[in-house]
Amino acid sequence: SLRLSCAASGSFFSVYTMGWYRQAPGKQRELVATMSG
């Protein structure tokens, strides 16, 4: 297991949709998970 964290600067964070994407070597970036405001 691993836990990734992302810290955001700026205002109005709660209205932003946040997401995690990943890109493996030789592959396109793909969606992993998203969470709306």
PDB file of all heavy atoms in Angstrom:
ATOM      1  N   SER A   1       0.824  -1.199   0.000  1.00  0.00           N
ATOM      2  CA  SER A   1       0.000   0.000   0.000  1.00  0.00           C
ATOM      3  C   SER A   1       0.863   1.255   0.000  1.00  0.00           C
ATOM      4  O   SER A   1       1.994   1.241   0.496  1.00  0.00           O
ATOM      5  CB  SER A   1      -0.897   0.021   1.241  1.00  0.00           C
ATOM      6  OG  SER A   1      -1.776  -1.082   1.266  1.00  0.00           O
ATOM      7  N   LEU A   2       0.295   2.310  -0.543  1.00  0.00           N
ATOM      8  CA  LEU A   2       0.898   3.641  -0.493  1.00  0.00           C
ATOM      9  C   LEU A   2      -0.213   4.652  -0.371  1.00  0.00           C
ATOM     10  O   LEU A   2      -1.354   4.401  -0.805  1.00  0.00           O
ATOM     11  CB  LEU A   2       1.701   3.945  -1.765  1.00  0.00           C
ATOM     12  CG  LEU A   2       3.126   3.447  -1.900  1.00  0.00           C
ATOM     13  CD1 LEU A   2       3.679   3.818  -3.264  1.00  0.00           C
ATOM     14  CD2 LEU A   2       4.018   3.994  -0.798  1.00  0.00           C
ATOM     15  N   ARG A   3       0.137   5.803   0.181  1.00  0.00           N
ATOM     16  CA  ARG A   3      -0.806   6.904   0.253  1.00  0.00           C
ATOM     17  C   ARG A   3      -0.156   8.130  -0.370  1.00  0.00           C
ATOM     18  O   ARG A   3       0.897   8.593   0.089  1.00  0.00           O
ATOM     19  CB  ARG A   3      -1.196   7.204   1.699  1.00  0.00           C
ATOM     20  CG  ARG A   3      -2.255   8.289   1.846  1.00  0.00           C
ATOM     21  CD  ARG A   3      -2.582   8.528   3.320  1.00  0.00           C
ATOM     22  NE  ARG A   3      -3.622   9.528   3.487  1.00  0.00           N
ATOM     23  CZ  ARG A   3      -4.917   9.231   3.533  1.00  0.00           C
ATOM     24  NH1 ARG A   3      -5.312   7.979   3.443  1.00  0.00           N
ATOM     25  NH2 ARG A   3      -5.815  10.190   3.701  1.00  0.00           N
ATOM     26  N   LEU A   4      -0.791   8.642  -1.412  1.00  0.00           N
ATOM     27  CA  LEU A   4      -0.332   9.870  -2.054  1.00  0.00           C
ATOM     28  C   LEU A   4      -1.120  11.050  -1.507  1.00  0.00           C
ATOM     29  O   LEU A   4      -2.312  10.925  -1.224  1.00  0.00           O
ATOM     30  CB  LEU A   4      -0.523   9.791  -3.563  1.00  0.00           C
ATOM     31  CG  LEU A   4       0.106   8.600  -4.293  1.00  0.00           C
ATOM     32  CD1 LEU A   4      -0.151   8.725  -5.789  1.00  0.00           C
ATOM     33  CD2 LEU A   4       1.586   8.513  -3.999  1.00  0.00           C
ATOM     34  N   SER A   5      -0.437  12.172  -1.393  1.00  0.00           N
ATOM     35  CA  SER A   5      -1.101  13.400  -0.957  1.00  0.00           C
ATOM     36  C   SER A   5      -0.793  14.518  -1.936  1.00  0.00           C
ATOM     37  O   SER A   5       0.269  14.534  -2.562  1.00  0.00           O
ATOM     38  CB  SER A   5      -0.638  13.795   0.445  1.00  0.00           C
ATOM     39  OG  SER A   5      -1.063  12.856   1.405  1.00  0.00           O
ATOM     40  N   CYS A   6      -1.726  15.440  -2.032  1.00  0.00           N
ATOM     41  CA  CYS A   6      -1.557  16.606  -2.901  1.00  0.00           C
ATOM     42  C   CYS A   6      -2.018  17.824  -2.115  1.00  0.00           C
ATOM     43  O   CYS A   6      -3.174  17.880  -1.672  1.00  0.00           O
ATOM     44  CB  CYS A   6      -2.368  16.436  -4.168  1.00  0.00           C
ATOM     45  SG  CYS A   6      -2.404  17.891  -5.252  1.00  0.00           S
ATOM     46  N   ALA A   7      -1.111  18.766  -1.959  1.00  0.00           N
ATOM     47  CA  ALA A   7      -1.424  20.010  -1.256  1.00  0.00           C
ATOM     48  C   ALA A   7      -1.620  21.116  -2.277  1.00  0.00           C
ATOM     49  O   ALA A   7      -0.788  21.307  -3.161  1.00  0.00           O
ATOM     50  CB  ALA A   7      -0.302  20.363  -0.293  1.00  0.00           C
ATOM     51  N   ALA A   8      -2.720  21.841  -2.141  1.00  0.00           N
ATOM     52  CA  ALA A   8      -3.056  22.902  -3.083  1.00  0.00           C
ATOM     53  C   ALA A   8      -2.962  24.266  -2.428  1.00  0.00           C
ATOM     54  O   ALA A   8      -3.415  24.451  -1.297  1.00  0.00           O
ATOM     55  CB  ALA A   8      -4.466  22.689  -3.622  1.00  0.00           C
ATOM     56  N   SER A   9      -2.393  25.200  -3.152  1.00  0.00           N
ATOM     57  CA  SER A   9      -2.381  26.581  -2.690  1.00  0.00           C
ATOM     58  C   SER A   9      -3.572  27.299  -3.311  1.00  0.00           C
ATOM     59  O   SER A   9      -4.258  26.753  -4.168  1.00  0.00           O
ATOM     60  CB  SER A   9      -1.083  27.270  -3.115  1.00  0.00           C
ATOM     61  OG  SER A   9      -1.030  27.345  -4.531  1.00  0.00           O
ATOM     62  N   GLY A  10      -3.804  28.509  -2.900  1.00  0.00           N
ATOM     63  CA  GLY A  10      -4.861  29.299  -3.505  1.00  0.00           C
ATOM     64  C   GLY A  10      -6.165  29.231  -2.741  1.00  0.00           C
ATOM     65  O   GLY A  10      -6.289  28.544  -1.741  1.00  0.00           O
ATOM     66  N   SER A  11      -7.137  29.952  -3.282  1.00  0.00           N
ATOM     67  CA  SER A  11      -8.423  30.082  -2.607  1.00  0.00           C
ATOM     68  C   SER A  11      -9.484  29.207  -3.258  1.00  0.00           C
ATOM     69  O   SER A  11      -9.289  28.680  -4.347  1.00  0.00           O
ATOM     70  CB  SER A  11      -8.878  31.547  -2.653  1.00  0.00           C
ATOM     71  OG  SER A  11      -7.917  32.403  -2.094  1.00  0.00           O
ATOM     72  N   PHE A  12     -10.607  29.093  -2.567  1.00  0.00           N
ATOM     73  CA  PHE A  12     -11.787  28.402  -3.088  1.00  0.00           C
ATOM     74  C   PHE A  12     -11.502  26.954  -3.476  1.00  0.00           C
ATOM     75  O   PHE A  12     -12.062  26.441  -4.441  1.00  0.00           O
ATOM     76  CB  PHE A  12     -12.358  29.161  -4.294  1.00  0.00           C
ATOM     77  CG  PHE A  12     -12.622  30.601  -4.002  1.00  0.00           C
ATOM     78  CD1 PHE A  12     -11.840  31.606  -4.564  1.00  0.00           C
ATOM     79  CD2 PHE A  12     -13.640  30.978  -3.142  1.00  0.00           C
ATOM     80  CE1 PHE A  12     -12.073  32.943  -4.282  1.00  0.00           C
ATOM     81  CE2 PHE A  12     -13.891  32.307  -2.861  1.00  0.00           C
ATOM     82  CZ  PHE A  12     -13.106  33.289  -3.430  1.00  0.00           C
ATOM     83  N   PHE A  13     -10.657  26.308  -2.694  1.00  0.00           N
ATOM     84  CA  PHE A  13     -10.292  24.914  -2.982  1.00  0.00           C
ATOM     85  C   PHE A  13     -11.522  24.028  -3.060  1.00  0.00           C
ATOM     86  O   PHE A  13     -11.608  23.129  -3.882  1.00  0.00           O
ATOM     87  CB  PHE A  13      -9.353  24.407  -1.883  1.00  0.00           C
ATOM     88  CG  PHE A  13      -9.029  22.938  -1.965  1.00  0.00           C
ATOM     89  CD1 PHE A  13      -8.033  22.493  -2.818  1.00  0.00           C
ATOM     90  CD2 PHE A  13      -9.706  22.010  -1.188  1.00  0.00           C
ATOM     91  CE1 PHE A  13      -7.714  21.151  -2.898  1.00  0.00           C
ATOM     92  CE2 PHE A  13      -9.399  20.668  -1.256  1.00  0.00           C
ATOM     93  CZ  PHE A  13      -8.396  20.231  -2.111  1.00  0.00           C
ATOM     94  N   SER A  14     -12.505  24.288  -2.232  1.00  0.00           N
ATOM     95  CA  SER A  14     -13.647  23.380  -2.101  1.00  0.00           C
ATOM     96  C   SER A  14     -14.500  23.292  -3.357  1.00  0.00           C
ATOM     97  O   SER A  14     -15.220  22.311  -3.547  1.00  0.00           O
ATOM     98  CB  SER A  14     -14.521  23.794  -0.912  1.00  0.00           C
ATOM     99  OG  SER A  14     -15.066  25.079  -1.124  1.00  0.00           O
ATOM    100  N   VAL A  15     -14.416  24.280  -4.237  1.00  0.00           N
ATOM    101  CA  VAL A  15     -15.249  24.239  -5.440  1.00  0.00           C
ATOM    102  C   VAL A  15     -14.564  23.490  -6.580  1.00  0.00           C
ATOM    103  O   VAL A  15     -15.208  23.149  -7.563  1.00  0.00           O
ATOM    104  CB  VAL A  15     -15.634  25.657  -5.917  1.00  0.00           C
ATOM    105  CG1 VAL A  15     -16.341  26.412  -4.795  1.00  0.00           C
ATOM    106  CG2 VAL A  15     -14.437  26.429  -6.425  1.00  0.00           C
ATOM    107  N   TYR A  16     -13.282  23.250  -6.438  1.00  0.00           N
ATOM    108  CA  TYR A  16     -12.535  22.598  -7.506  1.00  0.00           C
ATOM    109  C   TYR A  16     -12.764  21.091  -7.490  1.00  0.00           C
ATOM    110  O   TYR A  16     -12.805  20.468  -6.424  1.00  0.00           O
ATOM    111  CB  TYR A  16     -11.036  22.861  -7.362  1.00  0.00           C
ATOM    112  CG  TYR A  16     -10.592  24.220  -7.837  1.00  0.00           C
ATOM    113  CD1 TYR A  16     -10.828  25.355  -7.072  1.00  0.00           C
ATOM    114  CD2 TYR A  16      -9.930  24.366  -9.053  1.00  0.00           C
ATOM    115  CE1 TYR A  16     -10.420  26.606  -7.511  1.00  0.00           C
ATOM    116  CE2 TYR A  16      -9.511  25.609  -9.495  1.00  0.00           C
ATOM    117  CZ  TYR A  16      -9.762  26.718  -8.727  1.00  0.00           C
ATOM    118  OH  TYR A  16      -9.361  27.956  -9.162  1.00  0.00           O
ATOM    119  N   THR A  17     -12.878  20.517  -8.668  1.00  0.00           N
ATOM    120  CA  THR A  17     -12.794  19.070  -8.776  1.00  0.00           C
ATOM    121  C   THR A  17     -11.320  18.688  -8.675  1.00  0.00           C
ATOM    122  O   THR A  17     -10.466  19.322  -9.295  1.00  0.00           O
ATOM    123  CB  THR A  17     -13.373  18.576 -10.101  1.00  0.00           C
ATOM    124  OG1 THR A  17     -14.771  18.870 -10.121  1.00  0.00           O
ATOM    125  CG2 THR A  17     -13.175  17.085 -10.265  1.00  0.00           C
ATOM    126  N   MET A  18     -11.046  17.689  -7.891  1.00  0.00           N
ATOM    127  CA  MET A  18      -9.681  17.218  -7.710  1.00  0.00           C
ATOM    128  C   MET A  18      -9.559  15.808  -8.281  1.00  0.00           C
ATOM    129  O   MET A  18     -10.504  15.006  -8.180  1.00  0.00           O
ATOM    130  CB  MET A  18      -9.309  17.197  -6.225  1.00  0.00           C
ATOM    131  CG  MET A  18      -9.427  18.527  -5.527  1.00  0.00           C
ATOM    132  SD  MET A  18      -8.330  19.785  -6.225  1.00  0.00           S
ATOM    133  CE  MET A  18      -6.726  19.045  -5.910  1.00  0.00           C
ATOM    134  N   GLY A  19      -8.413  15.527  -8.846  1.00  0.00           N
ATOM    135  CA  GLY A  19      -8.254  14.207  -9.437  1.00  0.00           C
ATOM    136  C   GLY A  19      -6.826  13.723  -9.403  1.00  0.00           C
ATOM    137  O   GLY A  19      -5.887  14.503  -9.224  1.00  0.00           O
ATOM    138  N   TRP A  20      -6.702  12.428  -9.548  1.00  0.00           N
ATOM    139  CA  TRP A  20      -5.404  11.776  -9.694  1.00  0.00           C
ATOM    140  C   TRP A  20      -5.367  11.097 -11.059  1.00  0.00           C
ATOM    141  O   TRP A  20      -6.332  10.413 -11.454  1.00  0.00           O
ATOM    142  CB  TRP A  20      -5.189  10.734  -8.592  1.00  0.00           C
ATOM    143  CG  TRP A  20      -4.943  11.338  -7.251  1.00  0.00           C
ATOM    144  CD1 TRP A  20      -5.862  11.562  -6.270  1.00  0.00           C
ATOM    145  CD2 TRP A  20      -3.685  11.806  -6.748  1.00  0.00           C
ATOM    146  NE1 TRP A  20      -5.259  12.133  -5.183  1.00  0.00           N
ATOM    147  CE2 TRP A  20      -3.920  12.295  -5.441  1.00  0.00           C
ATOM    148  CE3 TRP A  20      -2.385  11.855  -7.253  1.00  0.00           C
ATOM    149  CZ2 TRP A  20      -2.904  12.835  -4.651  1.00  0.00           C
ATOM    150  CZ3 TRP A  20      -1.392  12.391  -6.463  1.00  0.00           C
ATOM    151  CH2 TRP A  20      -1.643  12.870  -5.182  1.00  0.00           C
ATOM    152  N   TYR A  21      -4.276  11.318 -11.754  1.00  0.00           N
ATOM    153  CA  TYR A  21      -4.022  10.705 -13.050  1.00  0.00           C
ATOM    154  C   TYR A  21      -2.670  10.018 -12.970  1.00  0.00           C
ATOM    155  O   TYR A  21      -1.865  10.301 -12.080  1.00  0.00           O
ATOM    156  CB  TYR A  21      -4.018  11.772 -14.149  1.00  0.00           C
ATOM    157  CG  TYR A  21      -5.382  12.357 -14.444  1.00  0.00           C
ATOM    158  CD1 TYR A  21      -6.012  13.194 -13.527  1.00  0.00           C
ATOM    159  CD2 TYR A  21      -6.041  12.072 -15.628  1.00  0.00           C
ATOM    160  CE1 TYR A  21      -7.272  13.722 -13.785  1.00  0.00           C
ATOM    161  CE2 TYR A  21      -7.297  12.600 -15.899  1.00  0.00           C
ATOM    162  CZ  TYR A  21      -7.908  13.424 -14.977  1.00  0.00           C
ATOM    163  OH  TYR A  21      -9.151  13.944 -15.238  1.00  0.00           O
ATOM    164  N   ARG A  22      -2.413   9.144 -13.926  1.00  0.00           N
ATOM    165  CA  ARG A  22      -1.106   8.497 -13.951  1.00  0.00           C
ATOM    166  C   ARG A  22      -0.653   8.273 -15.386  1.00  0.00           C
ATOM    167  O   ARG A  22      -1.469   8.179 -16.305  1.00  0.00           O
ATOM    168  CB  ARG A  22      -1.134   7.173 -13.197  1.00  0.00           C
ATOM    169  CG  ARG A  22      -2.005   6.085 -13.830  1.00  0.00           C
ATOM    170  CD  ARG A  22      -2.089   4.879 -12.909  1.00  0.00           C
ATOM    171  NE  ARG A  22      -2.877   3.805 -13.495  1.00  0.00           N
ATOM    172  CZ  ARG A  22      -3.217   2.696 -12.850  1.00  0.00           C
ATOM    173  NH1 ARG A  22      -2.841   2.516 -11.580  1.00  0.00           N
ATOM    174  NH2 ARG A  22      -3.932   1.767 -13.445  1.00  0.00           N
ATOM    175  N   GLN A  23       0.655   8.194 -15.526  1.00  0.00           N
ATOM    176  CA  GLN A  23       1.233   7.957 -16.839  1.00  0.00           C
ATOM    177  C   GLN A  23       2.391   6.979 -16.695  1.00  0.00           C
ATOM    178  O   GLN A  23       3.386   7.277 -16.018  1.00  0.00           O
ATOM    179  CB  GLN A  23       1.716   9.257 -17.483  1.00  0.00           C
ATOM    180  CG  GLN A  23       2.167   9.093 -18.912  1.00  0.00           C
ATOM    181  CD  GLN A  23       2.333  10.417 -19.619  1.00  0.00           C
ATOM    182  OE1 GLN A  23       2.438  11.474 -19.003  1.00  0.00           O
ATOM    183  NE2 GLN A  23       2.331  10.381 -20.936  1.00  0.00           N
ATOM    184  N   ALA A  24       2.213   5.827 -17.314  1.00  0.00           N
ATOM    185  CA  ALA A  24       3.256   4.812 -17.327  1.00  0.00           C
ATOM    186  C   ALA A  24       4.160   5.048 -18.532  1.00  0.00           C
ATOM    187  O   ALA A  24       3.740   5.672 -19.513  1.00  0.00           O
ATOM    188  CB  ALA A  24       2.632   3.423 -17.386  1.00  0.00           C
ATOM    189  N   PRO A  25       5.391   4.548 -18.496  1.00  0.00           N
ATOM    190  CA  PRO A  25       6.300   4.741 -19.629  1.00  0.00           C
ATOM    191  C   PRO A  25       5.701   4.224 -20.931  1.00  0.00           C
ATOM    192  O   PRO A  25       5.185   3.105 -20.989  1.00  0.00           O
ATOM    193  CB  PRO A  25       7.527   3.922 -19.218  1.00  0.00           C
ATOM    194  CG  PRO A  25       7.486   3.888 -17.731  1.00  0.00           C
ATOM    195  CD  PRO A  25       6.034   3.835 -17.378  1.00  0.00           C
ATOM    196  N   GLY A  26       5.738   5.068 -21.943  1.00  0.00           N
ATOM    197  CA  GLY A  26       5.239   4.669 -23.252  1.00  0.00           C
ATOM    198  C   GLY A  26       3.740   4.663 -23.393  1.00  0.00           C
ATOM    199  O   GLY A  26       3.212   4.258 -24.432  1.00  0.00           O
ATOM    200  N   LYS A  27       3.026   5.124 -22.364  1.00  0.00           N
ATOM    201  CA  LYS A  27       1.562   5.133 -22.410  1.00  0.00           C
ATOM    202  C   LYS A  27       1.026   6.541 -22.212  1.00  0.00           C
ATOM    203  O   LYS A  27       1.722   7.424 -21.720  1.00  0.00           O
ATOM    204  CB  LYS A  27       0.996   4.193 -21.340  1.00  0.00           C
ATOM    205  CG  LYS A  27       1.333   2.727 -21.551  1.00  0.00           C
ATOM    206  CD  LYS A  27       0.584   1.862 -20.578  1.00  0.00           C
ATOM    207  CE  LYS A  27       0.854   0.383 -20.843  1.00  0.00           C
ATOM    208  NZ  LYS A  27       0.101  -0.486 -19.891  1.00  0.00           N
ATOM    209  N   GLN A  28      -0.228   6.710 -22.584  1.00  0.00           N
ATOM    210  CA  GLN A  28      -0.879   8.004 -22.385  1.00  0.00           C
ATOM    211  C   GLN A  28      -1.273   8.184 -20.917  1.00  0.00           C
ATOM    212  O   GLN A  28      -1.491   7.209 -20.189  1.00  0.00           O
ATOM    213  CB  GLN A  28      -2.123   8.098 -23.272  1.00  0.00           C
ATOM    214  CG  GLN A  28      -1.829   8.224 -24.748  1.00  0.00           C
ATOM    215  CD  GLN A  28      -3.072   8.517 -25.570  1.00  0.00           C
ATOM    216  OE1 GLN A  28      -4.175   8.113 -25.197  1.00  0.00           O
ATOM    217  NE2 GLN A  28      -2.909   9.246 -26.663  1.00  0.00           N
ATOM    218  N   ARG A  29      -1.366   9.424 -20.533  1.00  0.00           N
ATOM    219  CA  ARG A  29      -1.839   9.724 -19.190  1.00  0.00           C
ATOM    220  C   ARG A  29      -3.297   9.301 -19.070  1.00  0.00           C
ATOM    221  O   ARG A  29      -4.098   9.535 -19.988  1.00  0.00           O
ATOM    222  CB  ARG A  29      -1.699  11.222 -18.901  1.00  0.00           C
ATOM    223  CG  ARG A  29      -1.905  11.600 -17.455  1.00  0.00           C
ATOM    224  CD  ARG A  29      -1.548  13.064 -17.213  1.00  0.00           C
ATOM    225  NE  ARG A  29      -0.135  13.335 -17.485  1.00  0.00           N
ATOM    226  CZ  ARG A  29       0.448  14.495 -17.214  1.00  0.00           C
ATOM    227  NH1 ARG A  29      -0.262  15.484 -16.662  1.00  0.00           N
ATOM    228  NH2 ARG A  29       1.711  14.687 -17.487  1.00  0.00           N
ATOM    229  N   GLU A  30      -3.648   8.691 -17.950  1.00  0.00           N
ATOM    230  CA  GLU A  30      -5.004   8.186 -17.772  1.00  0.00           C
ATOM    231  C   GLU A  30      -5.559   8.598 -16.415  1.00  0.00           C
ATOM    232  O   GLU A  30      -4.824   8.800 -15.448  1.00  0.00           O
ATOM    233  CB  GLU A  30      -5.038   6.655 -17.876  1.00  0.00           C
ATOM    234  CG  GLU A  30      -4.238   5.928 -16.815  1.00  0.00           C
ATOM    235  CD  GLU A  30      -4.337   4.415 -16.921  1.00  0.00           C
ATOM    236  OE1 GLU A  30      -4.962   3.910 -17.870  1.00  0.00           O
ATOM    237  OE2 GLU A  30      -3.788   3.729 -16.038  1.00  0.00           O
ATOM    238  N   LEU A  31      -6.876   8.678 -16.371  1.00  0.00           N
ATOM    239  CA  LEU A  31      -7.564   9.011 -15.133  1.00  0.00           C
ATOM    240  C   LEU A  31      -7.476   7.847 -14.156  1.00  0.00           C
ATOM    241  O   LEU A  31      -7.631   6.685 -14.549  1.00  0.00           O
ATOM    242  CB  LEU A  31      -9.027   9.330 -15.438  1.00  0.00           C
ATOM    243  CG  LEU A  31      -9.956   9.674 -14.283  1.00  0.00           C
ATOM    244  CD1 LEU A  31     -11.040  10.635 -14.770  1.00  0.00           C
ATOM    245  CD2 LEU A  31     -10.616   8.459 -13.671  1.00  0.00           C
ATOM    246  N   VAL A  32      -7.246   8.172 -12.899  1.00  0.00           N
ATOM    247  CA  VAL A  32      -7.265   7.174 -11.838  1.00  0.00           C
ATOM    248  C   VAL A  32      -8.513   7.362 -10.973  1.00  0.00           C
ATOM    249  O   VAL A  32      -9.284   6.436 -10.778  1.00  0.00           O
ATOM    250  CB  VAL A  32      -6.001   7.272 -10.963  1.00  0.00           C
ATOM    251  CG1 VAL A  32      -6.082   6.298  -9.789  1.00  0.00           C
ATOM    252  CG2 VAL A  32      -4.751   7.011 -11.793  1.00  0.00           C
ATOM    253  N   ALA A  33      -8.684   8.573 -10.465  1.00  0.00           N
ATOM    254  CA  ALA A  33      -9.828   8.856  -9.595  1.00  0.00           C
ATOM    255  C   ALA A  33     -10.062  10.359  -9.548  1.00  0.00           C
ATOM    256  O   ALA A  33      -9.112  11.136  -9.634  1.00  0.00           O
ATOM    257  CB  ALA A  33      -9.589   8.331  -8.181  1.00  0.00           C
ATOM    258  N   THR A  34     -11.325  10.748  -9.428  1.00  0.00           N
ATOM    259  CA  THR A  34     -11.668  12.156  -9.278  1.00  0.00           C
ATOM    260  C   THR A  34     -12.704  12.326  -8.181  1.00  0.00           C
ATOM    261  O   THR A  34     -13.464  11.398  -7.882  1.00  0.00           O
ATOM    262  CB  THR A  34     -12.233  12.754 -10.576  1.00  0.00           C
ATOM    263  OG1 THR A  34     -13.461  12.088 -10.902  1.00  0.00           O
ATOM    264  CG2 THR A  34     -11.259  12.614 -11.723  1.00  0.00           C
ATOM    265  N   MET A  35     -12.709  13.505  -7.620  1.00  0.00           N
ATOM    266  CA  MET A  35     -13.695  13.839  -6.589  1.00  0.00           C
ATOM    267  C   MET A  35     -14.103  15.288  -6.774  1.00  0.00           C
ATOM    268  O   MET A  35     -13.267  16.196  -6.697  1.00  0.00           O
ATOM    269  CB  MET A  35     -13.111  13.621  -5.197  1.00  0.00           C
ATOM    270  CG  MET A  35     -14.131  13.764  -4.077  1.00  0.00           C
ATOM    271  SD  MET A  35     -13.406  13.222  -2.510  1.00  0.00           S
ATOM    272  CE  MET A  35     -14.824  13.294  -1.430  1.00  0.00           C
ATOM    273  N   SER A  36     -15.378  15.518  -7.025  1.00  0.00           N
ATOM    274  CA  SER A  36     -15.862  16.872  -7.260  1.00  0.00           C
ATOM    275  C   SER A  36     -15.960  17.640  -5.952  1.00  0.00           C
ATOM    276  O   SER A  36     -15.871  17.071  -4.858  1.00  0.00           O
ATOM    277  CB  SER A  36     -17.228  16.829  -7.929  1.00  0.00           C
ATOM    278  OG  SER A  36     -18.214  16.409  -6.988  1.00  0.00           O
ATOM    279  N   GLY A  37     -16.188  18.940  -6.075  1.00  0.00           N
ATOM    280  CA  GLY A  37     -16.378  19.741  -4.878  1.00  0.00           C
ATOM    281  C   GLY A  37     -17.583  19.298  -4.063  1.00  0.00           C
ATOM    282  O   GLY A  37     -17.598  19.447  -2.841  1.00  0.00           O
TER     283      GLY A  37
END
